[in-house]
Amino acid sequence: GATGGAGATGGTGATGPVICFTPGTRIATPDGETAIEDLRPGDSVRLADGAVAIVCWIGRRHLDLRTHPQPSTAHPVRIAAGAFGQGLPVRDLIVSPGHGLYCDGVLIPAICLVNDRTITRVAVSSVEYLHVELEQHALLLAEGLPTESYLDVDNRGFFENGEAPV
């Protein structure tokens, strides 16, 4: 593949990496696991450190990769169940390429971890991305794996509902 440019950082938006999950991803809450598409502003989620945080906003974006100007920068990344060890994640986790996964004390973009075995690119013609914004940037548990929450770095316009945050 090419080096440098948006592809190297896993950017999915004009302003760089966008941190998103795909529908079906289960997020830890105080009451168990909830599919991301069922979370609403005001709901509580459980953080990797055991604390609880409140959902402020859920960003949504559907991408047609057949017409995307750089589809390779937007294809999701699949982290196979157990890729980080027993039960991490507990089942396959599919995220945007720029989504930070917490490993050995640092956040690493999913695209940087692709090994074509347990962490792979997913060739799809379209994808729906969702993200969870909390009151503060934090580590959510997605399928049991610590991953970052949405951080607003002036890329809210990437989301279809980005003009009207809660």
C-alpha atoms as a PDB file:
ATOM      1  CA  GLY A   1       0.000   0.000   0.000  1.00  0.00           C
ATOM      2  CA  ALA A   2       0.891   3.633  -0.230  1.00  0.00           C
ATOM      3  CA  THR A   3       2.691   5.362   2.593  1.00  0.00           C
ATOM      4  CA  GLY A   4       1.774   8.722   4.037  1.00  0.00           C
ATOM      5  CA  GLY A   5      -1.453  10.610   3.433  1.00  0.00           C
ATOM      6  CA  ALA A   6      -4.846   9.883   4.903  1.00  0.00           C
ATOM      7  CA  GLY A   7      -4.534   6.133   4.353  1.00  0.00           C
ATOM      8  CA  ALA A   8      -1.603   5.903   6.726  1.00  0.00           C
ATOM      9  CA  THR A   9      -3.613   7.399   9.570  1.00  0.00           C
ATOM     10  CA  GLY A  10      -6.809   5.569   8.752  1.00  0.00           C
ATOM     11  CA  GLY A  11      -8.690   8.774   8.070  1.00  0.00           C
ATOM     12  CA  THR A  12     -12.336   8.402   7.171  1.00  0.00           C
ATOM     13  CA  GLY A  13     -13.139  12.071   6.965  1.00  0.00           C
ATOM     14  CA  ALA A  14     -11.706  15.185   5.427  1.00  0.00           C
ATOM     15  CA  THR A  15     -10.180  16.229   8.754  1.00  0.00           C
ATOM     16  CA  GLY A  16      -8.458  12.944   9.554  1.00  0.00           C
ATOM     17  CA  PRO A  17      -9.326   9.946  11.700  1.00  0.00           C
ATOM     18  CA  VAL A  18     -12.940   9.522  12.662  1.00  0.00           C
ATOM     19  CA  ILE A  19     -13.531   7.221  15.591  1.00  0.00           C
ATOM     20  CA  CYS A  20     -16.523   4.965  14.973  1.00  0.00           C
ATOM     21  CA  PHE A  21     -18.108   1.604  15.597  1.00  0.00           C
ATOM     22  CA  THR A  22     -20.391  -0.381  13.293  1.00  0.00           C
ATOM     23  CA  PRO A  23     -23.970  -1.381  14.184  1.00  0.00           C
ATOM     24  CA  GLY A  24     -24.210  -4.435  16.408  1.00  0.00           C
ATOM     25  CA  THR A  25     -21.185  -3.486  18.510  1.00  0.00           C
ATOM     26  CA  ARG A  26     -22.032  -4.124  22.152  1.00  0.00           C
ATOM     27  CA  ILE A  27     -21.034  -1.385  24.602  1.00  0.00           C
ATOM     28  CA  ALA A  28     -20.759  -2.098  28.342  1.00  0.00           C
ATOM     29  CA  THR A  29     -23.347  -0.355  30.523  1.00  0.00           C
ATOM     30  CA  PRO A  30     -24.059  -0.678  34.252  1.00  0.00           C
ATOM     31  CA  ASP A  31     -26.933  -3.009  33.281  1.00  0.00           C
ATOM     32  CA  GLY A  32     -24.975  -5.231  30.880  1.00  0.00           C
ATOM     33  CA  GLU A  33     -24.154  -4.900  27.199  1.00  0.00           C
ATOM     34  CA  THR A  34     -26.161  -2.703  24.809  1.00  0.00           C
ATOM     35  CA  ALA A  35     -25.889  -2.560  21.019  1.00  0.00           C
ATOM     36  CA  ILE A  36     -24.502   0.825  20.049  1.00  0.00           C
ATOM     37  CA  GLU A  37     -27.492   1.627  17.852  1.00  0.00           C
ATOM     38  CA  ASP A  38     -29.751   1.269  20.921  1.00  0.00           C
ATOM     39  CA  LEU A  39     -27.817   3.769  23.054  1.00  0.00           C
ATOM     40  CA  ARG A  40     -29.376   7.213  23.490  1.00  0.00           C
ATOM     41  CA  PRO A  41     -28.175  10.509  24.962  1.00  0.00           C
ATOM     42  CA  GLY A  42     -28.605  10.349  28.735  1.00  0.00           C
ATOM     43  CA  ASP A  43     -27.828   6.599  28.907  1.00  0.00           C
ATOM     44  CA  SER A  44     -25.008   5.409  31.167  1.00  0.00           C
ATOM     45  CA  VAL A  45     -22.015   3.401  29.934  1.00  0.00           C
ATOM     46  CA  ARG A  46     -19.369   1.591  31.950  1.00  0.00           C
ATOM     47  CA  LEU A  47     -15.779   2.678  31.352  1.00  0.00           C
ATOM     48  CA  ALA A  48     -12.659   0.518  31.258  1.00  0.00           C
ATOM     49  CA  ASP A  49     -11.645   1.802  34.715  1.00  0.00           C
ATOM     50  CA  GLY A  50     -15.014   0.772  36.191  1.00  0.00           C
ATOM     51  CA  ALA A  51     -16.416   4.319  36.334  1.00  0.00           C
ATOM     52  CA  VAL A  52     -19.744   5.248  34.729  1.00  0.00           C
ATOM     53  CA  ALA A  53     -20.202   8.023  32.167  1.00  0.00           C
ATOM     54  CA  ILE A  54     -23.227   9.558  30.470  1.00  0.00           C
ATOM     55  CA  VAL A  55     -23.750   9.500  26.692  1.00  0.00           C
ATOM     56  CA  CYS A  56     -24.020  13.060  25.326  1.00  0.00           C
ATOM     57  CA  TRP A  57     -24.393  12.323  21.617  1.00  0.00           C
ATOM     58  CA  ILE A  58     -24.437   9.457  19.130  1.00  0.00           C
ATOM     59  CA  GLY A  59     -22.939  10.332  15.741  1.00  0.00           C
ATOM     60  CA  ARG A  60     -24.175   8.480  12.646  1.00  0.00           C
ATOM     61  CA  ARG A  61     -22.776   8.292   9.121  1.00  0.00           C
ATOM     62  CA  HIS A  62     -23.498   6.009   6.182  1.00  0.00           C
ATOM     63  CA  LEU A  63     -20.709   5.784   3.600  1.00  0.00           C
ATOM     64  CA  ASP A  64     -21.143   4.453   0.076  1.00  0.00           C
ATOM     65  CA  LEU A  65     -17.614   3.259  -0.610  1.00  0.00           C
ATOM     66  CA  ARG A  66     -18.399   2.761  -4.308  1.00  0.00           C
ATOM     67  CA  THR A  67     -18.525   6.548  -4.708  1.00  0.00           C
ATOM     68  CA  HIS A  68     -16.097   7.504  -1.903  1.00  0.00           C
ATOM     69  CA  PRO A  69     -13.079   9.478  -3.229  1.00  0.00           C
ATOM     70  CA  GLN A  70     -10.641   7.281  -1.240  1.00  0.00           C
ATOM     71  CA  PRO A  71     -12.508   4.101  -0.268  1.00  0.00           C
ATOM     72  CA  SER A  72      -9.381   2.377   1.051  1.00  0.00           C
ATOM     73  CA  THR A  73      -9.160   5.018   3.788  1.00  0.00           C
ATOM     74  CA  ALA A  74     -12.696   4.282   4.974  1.00  0.00           C
ATOM     75  CA  HIS A  75     -12.967   0.478   4.897  1.00  0.00           C
ATOM     76  CA  PRO A  76     -13.634  -0.826   8.403  1.00  0.00           C
ATOM     77  CA  VAL A  77     -11.211  -2.963  10.409  1.00  0.00           C
ATOM     78  CA  ARG A  78     -12.310  -6.258  12.014  1.00  0.00           C
ATOM     79  CA  ILE A  79     -10.678  -7.271  15.289  1.00  0.00           C
ATOM     80  CA  ALA A  80     -11.358 -10.987  15.671  1.00  0.00           C
ATOM     81  CA  ALA A  81     -12.611 -12.351  18.987  1.00  0.00           C
ATOM     82  CA  GLY A  82      -9.576 -13.079  21.148  1.00  0.00           C
ATOM     83  CA  ALA A  83      -7.123 -11.047  19.012  1.00  0.00           C
ATOM     84  CA  PHE A  84      -5.817  -9.358  22.195  1.00  0.00           C
ATOM     85  CA  GLY A  85      -5.961 -12.522  24.308  1.00  0.00           C
ATOM     86  CA  GLN A  86      -8.657 -14.614  25.926  1.00  0.00           C
ATOM     87  CA  GLY A  87     -11.976 -12.778  25.598  1.00  0.00           C
ATOM     88  CA  LEU A  88     -10.482  -9.566  24.200  1.00  0.00           C
ATOM     89  CA  PRO A  89     -12.658  -8.791  22.398  1.00  0.00           C
ATOM     90  CA  VAL A  90     -15.360 -11.279  23.401  1.00  0.00           C
ATOM     91  CA  ARG A  91     -16.682 -11.323  19.837  1.00  0.00           C
ATOM     92  CA  ASP A  92     -15.566  -9.772  16.551  1.00  0.00           C
ATOM     93  CA  LEU A  93     -15.383  -5.980  16.786  1.00  0.00           C
ATOM     94  CA  ILE A  94     -15.620  -3.857  13.625  1.00  0.00           C
ATOM     95  CA  VAL A  95     -14.467  -0.237  13.806  1.00  0.00           C
ATOM     96  CA  SER A  96     -13.382   2.626  11.567  1.00  0.00           C
ATOM     97  CA  PRO A  97      -9.693   2.525  10.608  1.00  0.00           C
ATOM     98  CA  GLY A  98      -8.812   5.518  12.800  1.00  0.00           C
ATOM     99  CA  HIS A  99     -10.506   4.183  15.925  1.00  0.00           C
ATOM    100  CA  GLY A 100      -8.100   4.008  18.858  1.00  0.00           C
ATOM    101  CA  LEU A 101      -7.790   0.684  20.661  1.00  0.00           C
ATOM    102  CA  TYR A 102      -6.197   0.741  24.108  1.00  0.00           C
ATOM    103  CA  CYS A 103      -3.156  -1.524  24.270  1.00  0.00           C
ATOM    104  CA  ASP A 104      -0.183  -1.430  26.653  1.00  0.00           C
ATOM    105  CA  GLY A 105      -1.104   2.003  27.966  1.00  0.00           C
ATOM    106  CA  VAL A 106      -1.576   3.772  24.611  1.00  0.00           C
ATOM    107  CA  LEU A 107      -4.303   4.288  22.026  1.00  0.00           C
ATOM    108  CA  ILE A 108      -3.370   2.747  18.687  1.00  0.00           C
ATOM    109  CA  PRO A 109      -5.455   3.343  15.525  1.00  0.00           C
ATOM    110  CA  ALA A 110      -7.013   0.052  14.382  1.00  0.00           C
ATOM    111  CA  ILE A 111      -5.469   0.431  10.912  1.00  0.00           C
ATOM    112  CA  CYS A 112      -1.981   0.308  12.464  1.00  0.00           C
ATOM    113  CA  LEU A 113      -2.733  -3.097  14.006  1.00  0.00           C
ATOM    114  CA  VAL A 114      -3.850  -4.885  10.818  1.00  0.00           C
ATOM    115  CA  ASN A 115      -1.956  -8.168  10.541  1.00  0.00           C
ATOM    116  CA  ASP A 116      -4.175  -9.889   7.918  1.00  0.00           C
ATOM    117  CA  ARG A 117      -4.906 -12.706  10.363  1.00  0.00           C
ATOM    118  CA  THR A 118      -6.677 -11.619  13.555  1.00  0.00           C
ATOM    119  CA  ILE A 119      -7.014  -7.942  12.575  1.00  0.00           C
ATOM    120  CA  THR A 120      -8.122  -7.391   8.996  1.00  0.00           C
ATOM    121  CA  ARG A 121      -9.619  -4.832   6.624  1.00  0.00           C
ATOM    122  CA  VAL A 122     -13.248  -5.482   5.637  1.00  0.00           C
ATOM    123  CA  ALA A 123     -13.948  -4.947   1.946  1.00  0.00           C
ATOM    124  CA  VAL A 124     -17.528  -3.671   1.818  1.00  0.00           C
ATOM    125  CA  SER A 125     -19.414  -1.519  -0.683  1.00  0.00           C
ATOM    126  CA  SER A 126     -20.982   0.563   2.093  1.00  0.00           C
ATOM    127  CA  VAL A 127     -20.708   0.937   5.839  1.00  0.00           C
ATOM    128  CA  GLU A 128     -22.620   2.635   8.629  1.00  0.00           C
ATOM    129  CA  TYR A 129     -20.488   4.206  11.324  1.00  0.00           C
ATOM    130  CA  LEU A 130     -21.742   5.273  14.761  1.00  0.00           C
ATOM    131  CA  HIS A 131     -19.932   6.876  17.598  1.00  0.00           C
ATOM    132  CA  VAL A 132     -20.487   7.649  21.241  1.00  0.00           C
ATOM    133  CA  GLU A 133     -19.595  11.014  22.719  1.00  0.00           C
ATOM    134  CA  LEU A 134     -19.330  11.234  26.497  1.00  0.00           C
ATOM    135  CA  GLU A 135     -18.917  14.293  28.714  1.00  0.00           C
ATOM    136  CA  GLN A 136     -15.160  13.649  28.538  1.00  0.00           C
ATOM    137  CA  HIS A 137     -12.965  11.572  26.204  1.00  0.00           C
ATOM    138  CA  ALA A 138     -12.701   8.168  27.893  1.00  0.00           C
ATOM    139  CA  LEU A 139     -12.207   4.446  27.363  1.00  0.00           C
ATOM    140  CA  LEU A 140     -15.432   2.563  26.632  1.00  0.00           C
ATOM    141  CA  LEU A 141     -15.669  -1.218  26.651  1.00  0.00           C
ATOM    142  CA  ALA A 142     -16.721  -2.398  23.199  1.00  0.00           C
ATOM    143  CA  GLU A 143     -17.163  -6.178  23.091  1.00  0.00           C
ATOM    144  CA  GLY A 144     -15.089  -6.111  26.305  1.00  0.00           C
ATOM    145  CA  LEU A 145     -12.120  -4.334  24.662  1.00  0.00           C
ATOM    146  CA  PRO A 146     -11.096  -0.839  25.870  1.00  0.00           C
ATOM    147  CA  THR A 147     -11.600   1.607  22.993  1.00  0.00           C
ATOM    148  CA  GLU A 148     -11.819   5.370  22.869  1.00  0.00           C
ATOM    149  CA  SER A 149     -14.990   7.432  22.929  1.00  0.00           C
ATOM    150  CA  TYR A 150     -15.595  10.136  20.326  1.00  0.00           C
ATOM    151  CA  LEU A 151     -13.392  13.201  20.694  1.00  0.00           C
ATOM    152  CA  ASP A 152     -14.660  16.343  18.964  1.00  0.00           C
ATOM    153  CA  VAL A 153     -11.684  17.686  17.025  1.00  0.00           C
ATOM    154  CA  ASP A 154     -13.761  19.818  14.655  1.00  0.00           C
ATOM    155  CA  ASN A 155     -14.896  16.773  12.655  1.00  0.00           C
ATOM    156  CA  ARG A 156     -18.512  16.653  13.809  1.00  0.00           C
ATOM    157  CA  GLY A 157     -19.505  17.635  10.271  1.00  0.00           C
ATOM    158  CA  PHE A 158     -18.472  14.122   9.177  1.00  0.00           C
ATOM    159  CA  PHE A 159     -21.642  12.806  10.815  1.00  0.00           C
ATOM    160  CA  GLU A 160     -25.028  13.134   9.140  1.00  0.00           C
ATOM    161  CA  ASN A 161     -26.466  14.423  12.403  1.00  0.00           C
ATOM    162  CA  GLY A 162     -23.377  16.452  13.322  1.00  0.00           C
ATOM    163  CA  GLU A 163     -25.035  19.852  13.080  1.00  0.00           C
ATOM    164  CA  ALA A 164     -27.385  19.163  15.974  1.00  0.00           C
ATOM    165  CA  PRO A 165     -25.448  17.678  18.894  1.00  0.00           C
ATOM    166  CA  VAL A 166     -27.352  17.078  22.090  1.00  0.00           C
END
